[in-house]
N, C-alpha and C. Protein backbone atom coordinates (compact mmCIF):
# COMPACT_ATOMS: atom_id res chain seq x y z
N MET A 1 104.38 111.50 101.05
CA MET A 1 104.45 110.50 100.00
C MET A 1 103.25 110.66 99.07
N ILE A 2 103.51 110.66 97.78
CA ILE A 2 102.45 110.82 96.79
C ILE A 2 102.01 109.44 96.32
N GLN A 3 100.71 109.22 96.35
CA GLN A 3 100.17 107.96 95.86
C GLN A 3 99.85 108.07 94.39
N ASN A 4 100.20 107.09 93.65
CA ASN A 4 99.87 107.05 92.23
C ASN A 4 98.49 106.45 92.10
N THR A 5 97.53 107.27 91.65
CA THR A 5 96.15 106.81 91.53
C THR A 5 95.75 106.56 90.08
N SER A 6 96.73 106.49 89.19
CA SER A 6 96.43 106.25 87.79
C SER A 6 95.95 104.81 87.60
N PRO A 7 95.20 104.57 86.51
CA PRO A 7 94.77 103.20 86.24
C PRO A 7 95.95 102.23 86.13
N GLN A 8 97.08 102.73 85.63
CA GLN A 8 98.24 101.88 85.48
C GLN A 8 98.70 101.35 86.84
N ALA A 9 98.68 102.18 87.86
CA ALA A 9 99.14 101.77 89.19
C ALA A 9 98.22 100.70 89.78
N ASP A 10 96.92 100.84 89.55
CA ASP A 10 95.95 99.91 90.13
C ASP A 10 95.90 98.58 89.39
N ASN A 11 96.21 98.58 88.09
CA ASN A 11 95.99 97.40 87.28
C ASN A 11 97.27 96.69 86.86
N TYR A 12 98.42 97.19 87.27
CA TYR A 12 99.66 96.58 86.84
C TYR A 12 99.76 95.15 87.33
N ASN A 13 99.97 94.26 86.42
CA ASN A 13 100.14 92.83 86.69
C ASN A 13 98.92 92.15 87.32
N LEU A 14 97.74 92.74 87.19
CA LEU A 14 96.53 92.04 87.59
C LEU A 14 95.99 91.21 86.43
N TRP A 15 96.45 91.55 85.23
CA TRP A 15 95.99 90.89 84.02
C TRP A 15 97.18 90.46 83.20
N SER A 16 97.03 89.39 82.49
CA SER A 16 98.08 88.89 81.62
C SER A 16 97.55 88.78 80.19
N PHE A 17 98.40 89.12 79.25
CA PHE A 17 98.05 88.99 77.84
C PHE A 17 98.56 87.67 77.26
N LYS A 18 98.83 86.72 78.13
CA LYS A 18 99.30 85.40 77.68
C LYS A 18 98.33 84.75 76.68
N PRO A 19 97.00 84.85 76.90
CA PRO A 19 96.09 84.26 75.90
C PRO A 19 96.22 84.92 74.52
N LEU A 20 96.46 86.22 74.48
CA LEU A 20 96.64 86.90 73.20
C LEU A 20 97.90 86.40 72.51
N LYS A 21 98.97 86.24 73.28
CA LYS A 21 100.21 85.73 72.70
C LYS A 21 99.98 84.34 72.08
N LYS A 22 99.20 83.52 72.77
CA LYS A 22 98.88 82.19 72.26
C LYS A 22 98.04 82.29 70.98
N LEU A 23 97.09 83.21 70.98
CA LEU A 23 96.24 83.43 69.81
C LEU A 23 97.07 83.84 68.59
N LEU A 24 98.04 84.72 68.81
CA LEU A 24 98.89 85.16 67.70
C LEU A 24 99.73 84.01 67.15
N VAL A 25 100.21 83.13 68.03
CA VAL A 25 100.96 81.96 67.58
C VAL A 25 100.04 81.06 66.74
N GLU A 26 98.82 80.84 67.21
CA GLU A 26 97.87 80.00 66.49
C GLU A 26 97.55 80.56 65.11
N LYS A 27 97.54 81.89 65.00
CA LYS A 27 97.25 82.55 63.73
C LYS A 27 98.50 82.82 62.91
N ASN A 28 99.65 82.33 63.43
CA ASN A 28 100.93 82.52 62.75
C ASN A 28 101.17 84.01 62.45
N MET A 29 100.92 84.84 63.45
CA MET A 29 101.02 86.28 63.30
C MET A 29 102.14 86.81 64.18
N SER A 30 103.04 87.58 63.60
CA SER A 30 104.13 88.18 64.36
C SER A 30 103.61 89.38 65.15
N LYS A 31 104.41 89.84 66.09
CA LYS A 31 104.04 91.04 66.85
C LYS A 31 103.86 92.22 65.91
N MET A 32 104.75 92.36 64.93
CA MET A 32 104.66 93.47 63.99
C MET A 32 103.41 93.36 63.13
N ASP A 33 103.07 92.15 62.70
CA ASP A 33 101.83 91.95 61.94
C ASP A 33 100.62 92.37 62.78
N PHE A 34 100.65 91.99 64.06
CA PHE A 34 99.56 92.34 64.98
C PHE A 34 99.45 93.86 65.13
N ILE A 35 100.57 94.53 65.35
CA ILE A 35 100.58 95.98 65.51
C ILE A 35 99.98 96.66 64.27
N GLU A 36 100.41 96.21 63.10
CA GLU A 36 99.91 96.79 61.85
C GLU A 36 98.43 96.49 61.64
N ALA A 37 98.01 95.26 61.93
CA ALA A 37 96.60 94.88 61.76
C ALA A 37 95.68 95.67 62.68
N MET A 38 96.16 95.93 63.89
CA MET A 38 95.34 96.64 64.88
C MET A 38 95.46 98.16 64.75
N GLY A 39 96.50 98.63 64.10
CA GLY A 39 96.70 100.08 63.99
C GLY A 39 97.06 100.71 65.33
N ILE A 40 97.80 99.95 66.16
CA ILE A 40 98.21 100.48 67.46
C ILE A 40 99.68 100.86 67.41
N SER A 41 100.09 101.66 68.36
CA SER A 41 101.50 102.06 68.42
C SER A 41 102.35 100.94 69.00
N SER A 42 103.63 100.99 68.70
CA SER A 42 104.54 99.99 69.27
C SER A 42 104.63 100.14 70.78
N SER A 43 104.44 101.35 71.29
CA SER A 43 104.47 101.53 72.76
C SER A 43 103.26 100.89 73.43
N THR A 44 102.11 100.93 72.78
CA THR A 44 100.92 100.25 73.32
C THR A 44 101.14 98.74 73.31
N ALA A 45 101.69 98.23 72.22
CA ALA A 45 101.97 96.79 72.14
C ALA A 45 102.97 96.39 73.21
N ALA A 46 103.99 97.22 73.42
CA ALA A 46 105.00 96.91 74.45
C ALA A 46 104.36 96.84 75.83
N LYS A 47 103.40 97.70 76.11
CA LYS A 47 102.69 97.65 77.39
C LYS A 47 101.97 96.31 77.52
N MET A 48 101.40 95.85 76.44
CA MET A 48 100.69 94.57 76.47
C MET A 48 101.66 93.43 76.76
N TRP A 49 102.80 93.42 76.10
CA TRP A 49 103.77 92.34 76.30
C TRP A 49 104.32 92.35 77.72
N ARG A 50 104.28 93.53 78.38
CA ARG A 50 104.73 93.63 79.77
C ARG A 50 103.56 93.51 80.76
N ASN A 51 102.39 93.19 80.27
CA ASN A 51 101.18 93.04 81.11
C ASN A 51 100.84 94.32 81.84
N GLU A 52 101.02 95.45 81.19
CA GLU A 52 100.68 96.74 81.78
C GLU A 52 99.31 97.19 81.28
N TYR A 53 98.81 98.24 81.91
CA TYR A 53 97.49 98.78 81.59
C TYR A 53 97.41 99.28 80.15
N ILE A 54 96.35 98.89 79.45
CA ILE A 54 95.93 99.51 78.20
C ILE A 54 94.43 99.72 78.31
N SER A 55 93.89 100.56 77.45
CA SER A 55 92.46 100.87 77.56
C SER A 55 91.60 99.67 77.17
N MET A 56 90.43 99.64 77.75
CA MET A 56 89.47 98.59 77.41
C MET A 56 89.03 98.73 75.96
N LYS A 57 89.08 99.92 75.40
CA LYS A 57 88.72 100.14 74.00
C LYS A 57 89.64 99.32 73.10
N ILE A 58 90.93 99.30 73.40
CA ILE A 58 91.86 98.52 72.59
C ILE A 58 91.56 97.02 72.71
N ILE A 59 91.27 96.58 73.92
CA ILE A 59 90.92 95.17 74.12
C ILE A 59 89.64 94.83 73.36
N ASP A 60 88.67 95.73 73.39
CA ASP A 60 87.44 95.54 72.63
C ASP A 60 87.73 95.47 71.13
N ASP A 61 88.61 96.34 70.64
CA ASP A 61 88.98 96.33 69.23
C ASP A 61 89.64 95.00 68.84
N ILE A 62 90.47 94.47 69.73
CA ILE A 62 91.13 93.19 69.46
C ILE A 62 90.08 92.07 69.36
N CYS A 63 89.14 92.06 70.31
CA CYS A 63 88.08 91.03 70.29
C CYS A 63 87.27 91.12 69.01
N ASN A 64 86.95 92.34 68.58
CA ASN A 64 86.18 92.51 67.35
C ASN A 64 86.99 92.09 66.12
N LYS A 65 88.24 92.48 66.06
CA LYS A 65 89.09 92.16 64.91
C LYS A 65 89.28 90.65 64.74
N PHE A 66 89.52 89.96 65.87
CA PHE A 66 89.79 88.52 65.82
C PHE A 66 88.55 87.67 66.08
N GLU A 67 87.40 88.33 66.23
CA GLU A 67 86.14 87.63 66.49
C GLU A 67 86.29 86.63 67.63
N CYS A 68 86.79 87.15 68.74
CA CYS A 68 87.02 86.29 69.91
C CYS A 68 86.42 86.94 71.15
N ILE A 69 86.53 86.27 72.27
CA ILE A 69 86.00 86.79 73.52
C ILE A 69 87.14 87.29 74.40
N LEU A 70 86.78 87.99 75.44
CA LEU A 70 87.75 88.62 76.33
C LEU A 70 88.81 87.66 76.84
N THR A 71 88.41 86.47 77.22
CA THR A 71 89.37 85.50 77.77
C THR A 71 90.31 84.91 76.72
N ASP A 72 90.06 85.21 75.45
CA ASP A 72 91.00 84.85 74.39
C ASP A 72 92.12 85.88 74.29
N VAL A 73 91.94 87.01 74.97
CA VAL A 73 92.89 88.12 74.90
C VAL A 73 93.64 88.31 76.22
N ILE A 74 92.90 88.31 77.33
CA ILE A 74 93.53 88.53 78.64
C ILE A 74 93.04 87.49 79.64
N GLU A 75 93.83 87.33 80.70
CA GLU A 75 93.42 86.48 81.81
C GLU A 75 93.77 87.19 83.11
N HIS A 76 92.99 86.93 84.12
CA HIS A 76 93.21 87.53 85.43
C HIS A 76 94.30 86.77 86.16
N ILE A 77 95.17 87.52 86.82
CA ILE A 77 96.21 86.91 87.65
C ILE A 77 95.79 87.10 89.10
N PRO A 78 95.53 86.03 89.82
CA PRO A 78 95.14 86.15 91.22
C PRO A 78 96.20 86.85 92.06
N ASP A 79 95.79 87.50 93.13
CA ASP A 79 96.74 88.15 94.04
C ASP A 79 97.84 87.19 94.43
N GLY A 80 99.06 87.69 94.44
CA GLY A 80 100.19 86.89 94.85
C GLY A 80 100.85 86.13 93.72
N ASP A 81 100.18 86.06 92.55
CA ASP A 81 100.74 85.32 91.42
C ASP A 81 101.36 86.23 90.37
N SER A 82 101.32 87.55 90.57
CA SER A 82 101.73 88.48 89.51
C SER A 82 103.18 88.31 89.09
N LYS A 83 104.08 88.00 89.99
CA LYS A 83 105.49 87.84 89.64
C LYS A 83 105.71 86.53 88.89
N GLU A 84 104.92 85.53 89.19
CA GLU A 84 105.07 84.24 88.55
C GLU A 84 104.61 84.27 87.11
N ASN A 85 103.58 85.08 86.79
CA ASN A 85 102.99 85.09 85.46
C ASN A 85 103.42 86.26 84.60
N ALA A 86 104.33 87.08 85.07
CA ALA A 86 104.71 88.28 84.32
C ALA A 86 105.41 87.97 83.04
């Protein structure tokens, strides 16, 4: 059996982008507006909406662009809660 040791395997559903979704609603910004403003690909955005791994550089770029802190973008999902918050 091959173990997947990629960052995606280790971090899947440990973090939620629910705070970012709330931030976009507060700013009256659509997903497409967000993608264009950030200059990210639609596949990267889709990973975020599915709470999958993205680089910390992108998260840092989001914090800088929106002048916010990390917890305005992502939140930690405690063990056992990943299916409830997905």
